[in-house]
Structure formats: C-alpha cells, structure tokens
N, C-alpha and C. Protein backbone atom coordinates (compact mmCIF):
# COMPACT_ATOMS: atom_id res chain seq x y z
N MET A 1 -87.69 97.91 -40.57
CA MET A 1 -88.02 96.51 -40.74
C MET A 1 -88.80 96.35 -42.05
N GLN A 2 -88.35 95.44 -42.87
CA GLN A 2 -89.01 95.20 -44.14
C GLN A 2 -89.72 93.86 -44.10
N VAL A 3 -91.00 93.88 -44.42
CA VAL A 3 -91.81 92.67 -44.45
C VAL A 3 -92.20 92.41 -45.90
N ASP A 4 -92.03 91.17 -46.33
CA ASP A 4 -92.39 90.88 -47.72
C ASP A 4 -93.90 90.93 -47.90
N ARG A 5 -94.32 91.15 -49.11
CA ARG A 5 -95.73 91.36 -49.44
C ARG A 5 -96.60 90.16 -49.03
N ASN A 6 -96.12 88.96 -49.26
CA ASN A 6 -96.88 87.76 -48.92
C ASN A 6 -97.16 87.68 -47.42
N THR A 7 -96.16 87.97 -46.62
CA THR A 7 -96.33 87.95 -45.17
C THR A 7 -97.35 88.99 -44.73
N PHE A 8 -97.26 90.18 -45.29
CA PHE A 8 -98.19 91.25 -44.95
C PHE A 8 -99.63 90.86 -45.33
N GLU A 9 -99.81 90.30 -46.52
CA GLU A 9 -101.15 89.90 -46.97
C GLU A 9 -101.72 88.80 -46.09
N LYS A 10 -100.88 87.83 -45.73
CA LYS A 10 -101.34 86.74 -44.88
C LYS A 10 -101.72 87.25 -43.49
N ALA A 11 -100.95 88.16 -42.95
CA ALA A 11 -101.27 88.75 -41.65
C ALA A 11 -102.58 89.52 -41.71
N THR A 12 -102.78 90.24 -42.79
CA THR A 12 -104.02 91.01 -42.96
C THR A 12 -105.23 90.07 -43.02
N LEU A 13 -105.12 88.99 -43.78
CA LEU A 13 -106.21 88.01 -43.87
C LEU A 13 -106.48 87.37 -42.51
N PHE A 14 -105.42 87.02 -41.80
CA PHE A 14 -105.57 86.41 -40.49
C PHE A 14 -106.29 87.34 -39.52
N LEU A 15 -105.93 88.62 -39.54
CA LEU A 15 -106.59 89.58 -38.66
C LEU A 15 -108.06 89.74 -39.01
N ARG A 16 -108.39 89.68 -40.28
CA ARG A 16 -109.79 89.76 -40.70
C ARG A 16 -110.57 88.54 -40.21
N VAL A 17 -109.95 87.36 -40.30
CA VAL A 17 -110.58 86.14 -39.77
C VAL A 17 -110.81 86.32 -38.27
N HIS A 18 -109.80 86.76 -37.57
CA HIS A 18 -109.90 86.96 -36.12
C HIS A 18 -111.05 87.90 -35.77
N ASP A 19 -111.10 89.03 -36.45
CA ASP A 19 -112.13 90.03 -36.14
C ASP A 19 -113.54 89.51 -36.40
N LEU A 20 -113.73 88.83 -37.53
CA LEU A 20 -115.05 88.28 -37.85
C LEU A 20 -115.44 87.19 -36.86
N LEU A 21 -114.52 86.29 -36.57
CA LEU A 21 -114.82 85.21 -35.64
C LEU A 21 -115.12 85.76 -34.25
N ASP A 22 -114.35 86.74 -33.82
CA ASP A 22 -114.57 87.36 -32.52
C ASP A 22 -115.97 87.98 -32.43
N THR A 23 -116.40 88.59 -33.52
CA THR A 23 -117.75 89.17 -33.56
C THR A 23 -118.80 88.08 -33.48
N PHE A 24 -118.63 87.00 -34.23
CA PHE A 24 -119.62 85.92 -34.25
C PHE A 24 -119.76 85.23 -32.89
N VAL A 25 -118.66 85.11 -32.16
CA VAL A 25 -118.71 84.41 -30.88
C VAL A 25 -118.80 85.36 -29.70
N SER A 26 -119.02 86.63 -29.98
CA SER A 26 -119.16 87.67 -28.95
C SER A 26 -117.98 87.69 -27.99
N GLY A 27 -116.79 87.48 -28.54
CA GLY A 27 -115.58 87.56 -27.74
C GLY A 27 -115.30 86.36 -26.87
N ASP A 28 -116.04 85.28 -27.01
CA ASP A 28 -115.86 84.08 -26.20
C ASP A 28 -114.74 83.22 -26.80
N ALA A 29 -113.58 83.27 -26.17
CA ALA A 29 -112.40 82.56 -26.69
C ALA A 29 -112.61 81.05 -26.74
N ALA A 30 -113.33 80.50 -25.77
CA ALA A 30 -113.55 79.05 -25.76
C ALA A 30 -114.41 78.62 -26.94
N VAL A 31 -115.43 79.39 -27.26
CA VAL A 31 -116.30 79.07 -28.40
C VAL A 31 -115.50 79.21 -29.69
N ALA A 32 -114.69 80.25 -29.79
CA ALA A 32 -113.85 80.45 -30.98
C ALA A 32 -112.89 79.27 -31.16
N ALA A 33 -112.26 78.85 -30.07
CA ALA A 33 -111.31 77.74 -30.15
C ALA A 33 -112.00 76.46 -30.59
N THR A 34 -113.20 76.22 -30.07
CA THR A 34 -113.95 75.03 -30.47
C THR A 34 -114.29 75.08 -31.95
N TRP A 35 -114.74 76.25 -32.43
CA TRP A 35 -115.08 76.39 -33.85
C TRP A 35 -113.84 76.16 -34.72
N LEU A 36 -112.73 76.74 -34.34
CA LEU A 36 -111.50 76.61 -35.12
C LEU A 36 -111.03 75.16 -35.23
N GLN A 37 -111.25 74.38 -34.17
CA GLN A 37 -110.74 73.02 -34.12
C GLN A 37 -111.72 71.98 -34.65
N SER A 38 -112.98 72.37 -34.83
CA SER A 38 -114.01 71.42 -35.26
C SER A 38 -114.06 71.31 -36.78
N HIS A 39 -114.42 70.11 -37.24
CA HIS A 39 -114.58 69.89 -38.68
C HIS A 39 -115.75 70.72 -39.18
N ASN A 40 -115.55 71.42 -40.27
CA ASN A 40 -116.59 72.21 -40.91
C ASN A 40 -116.91 71.55 -42.23
N THR A 41 -118.17 71.12 -42.40
CA THR A 41 -118.53 70.39 -43.60
C THR A 41 -118.46 71.25 -44.86
N VAL A 42 -118.76 72.54 -44.72
CA VAL A 42 -118.69 73.43 -45.89
C VAL A 42 -117.24 73.61 -46.32
N LEU A 43 -116.36 73.82 -45.35
CA LEU A 43 -114.94 74.03 -45.65
C LEU A 43 -114.20 72.72 -45.90
N GLU A 44 -114.83 71.61 -45.53
CA GLU A 44 -114.23 70.28 -45.67
C GLU A 44 -112.95 70.11 -44.87
N GLY A 45 -112.99 70.59 -43.65
CA GLY A 45 -111.86 70.46 -42.75
C GLY A 45 -112.02 71.39 -41.56
N SER A 46 -111.08 71.32 -40.65
CA SER A 46 -111.13 72.23 -39.51
C SER A 46 -110.45 73.56 -39.91
N PRO A 47 -111.08 74.67 -39.57
CA PRO A 47 -110.52 75.96 -39.95
C PRO A 47 -109.06 76.14 -39.51
N ILE A 48 -108.71 75.68 -38.33
CA ILE A 48 -107.34 75.88 -37.85
C ILE A 48 -106.32 75.18 -38.75
N ASN A 49 -106.68 74.01 -39.26
CA ASN A 49 -105.77 73.30 -40.17
C ASN A 49 -105.76 73.93 -41.56
N LEU A 50 -106.92 74.34 -42.02
CA LEU A 50 -107.01 74.95 -43.34
C LEU A 50 -106.23 76.26 -43.41
N MET A 51 -106.22 77.00 -42.31
CA MET A 51 -105.57 78.31 -42.30
C MET A 51 -104.04 78.23 -42.37
N ARG A 52 -103.50 77.06 -42.42
CA ARG A 52 -102.04 76.91 -42.54
C ARG A 52 -101.55 77.21 -43.95
N THR A 53 -102.48 77.21 -44.91
CA THR A 53 -102.10 77.57 -46.28
C THR A 53 -102.79 78.87 -46.67
N ASN A 54 -102.24 79.54 -47.66
CA ASN A 54 -102.85 80.79 -48.12
C ASN A 54 -104.25 80.55 -48.69
N VAL A 55 -104.40 79.48 -49.45
CA VAL A 55 -105.71 79.16 -50.03
C VAL A 55 -106.72 78.85 -48.92
N GLY A 56 -106.31 78.05 -47.97
CA GLY A 56 -107.19 77.70 -46.86
C GLY A 56 -107.57 78.90 -46.02
N LEU A 57 -106.62 79.78 -45.78
CA LEU A 57 -106.89 81.00 -45.03
C LEU A 57 -107.92 81.84 -45.76
N ARG A 58 -107.76 81.97 -47.06
CA ARG A 58 -108.72 82.74 -47.87
C ARG A 58 -110.09 82.07 -47.84
N ASN A 59 -110.14 80.74 -47.90
CA ASN A 59 -111.42 80.02 -47.86
C ASN A 59 -112.14 80.23 -46.53
N VAL A 60 -111.40 80.18 -45.44
CA VAL A 60 -112.00 80.41 -44.12
C VAL A 60 -112.54 81.84 -44.04
N LEU A 61 -111.77 82.80 -44.51
CA LEU A 61 -112.23 84.19 -44.51
C LEU A 61 -113.47 84.35 -45.37
N ASP A 62 -113.46 83.78 -46.56
CA ASP A 62 -114.63 83.87 -47.44
C ASP A 62 -115.86 83.25 -46.78
N TYR A 63 -115.67 82.13 -46.10
CA TYR A 63 -116.78 81.47 -45.41
C TYR A 63 -117.35 82.39 -44.32
N LEU A 64 -116.48 82.95 -43.49
CA LEU A 64 -116.95 83.83 -42.42
C LEU A 64 -117.65 85.06 -42.99
N GLU A 65 -117.12 85.60 -44.06
CA GLU A 65 -117.74 86.77 -44.68
C GLU A 65 -119.12 86.41 -45.23
N SER A 66 -119.27 85.21 -45.78
CA SER A 66 -120.57 84.80 -46.31
C SER A 66 -121.59 84.61 -45.19
N CYS A 67 -121.14 84.24 -44.02
CA CYS A 67 -122.03 84.06 -42.86
C CYS A 67 -122.49 85.42 -42.32
N ARG A 68 -121.71 86.42 -42.56
CA ARG A 68 -122.02 87.76 -42.08
C ARG A 68 -123.19 88.36 -42.84
N ASP A 69 -123.32 88.00 -44.09
CA ASP A 69 -124.37 88.60 -44.94
C ASP A 69 -125.75 88.08 -44.63
C-alpha cells in the first residue's frame, strides 16, 4: 500500500494532536470533545473545524504544544 507524503504528514500531525489532547484531559473523551467543538479565542475558531485544513491542523498542534510548556 502506497500512501502519499501529504496524507502521511497529516496523519502524523493528527496523531500528535490526539496524544497531546488526551494527556491534557486525562483521557476524558467528553472533555476532549467539548474542547474540540468549542470556540477558542487564541485559535479564532473551534479546533475541530480548524483541523480540516493542513494550516489549521498545524495551528491546533502548535497551540497544544505551547500549552505543554
């Protein structure tokens, strides 16, 4: 099975978002779902909608990584 580079990179970013968010919410799926669907003033949108584009996905990941520090 051959996967194009863009698909692989997007999947990798998505998994990183998942792992960071899971850590922040201590595995609570309901809290994660609420965060994903809620408007974030820093991101200027809801993470779930932003993650539909490559730029938005990267912005959400960058935001979560900045919260980790």
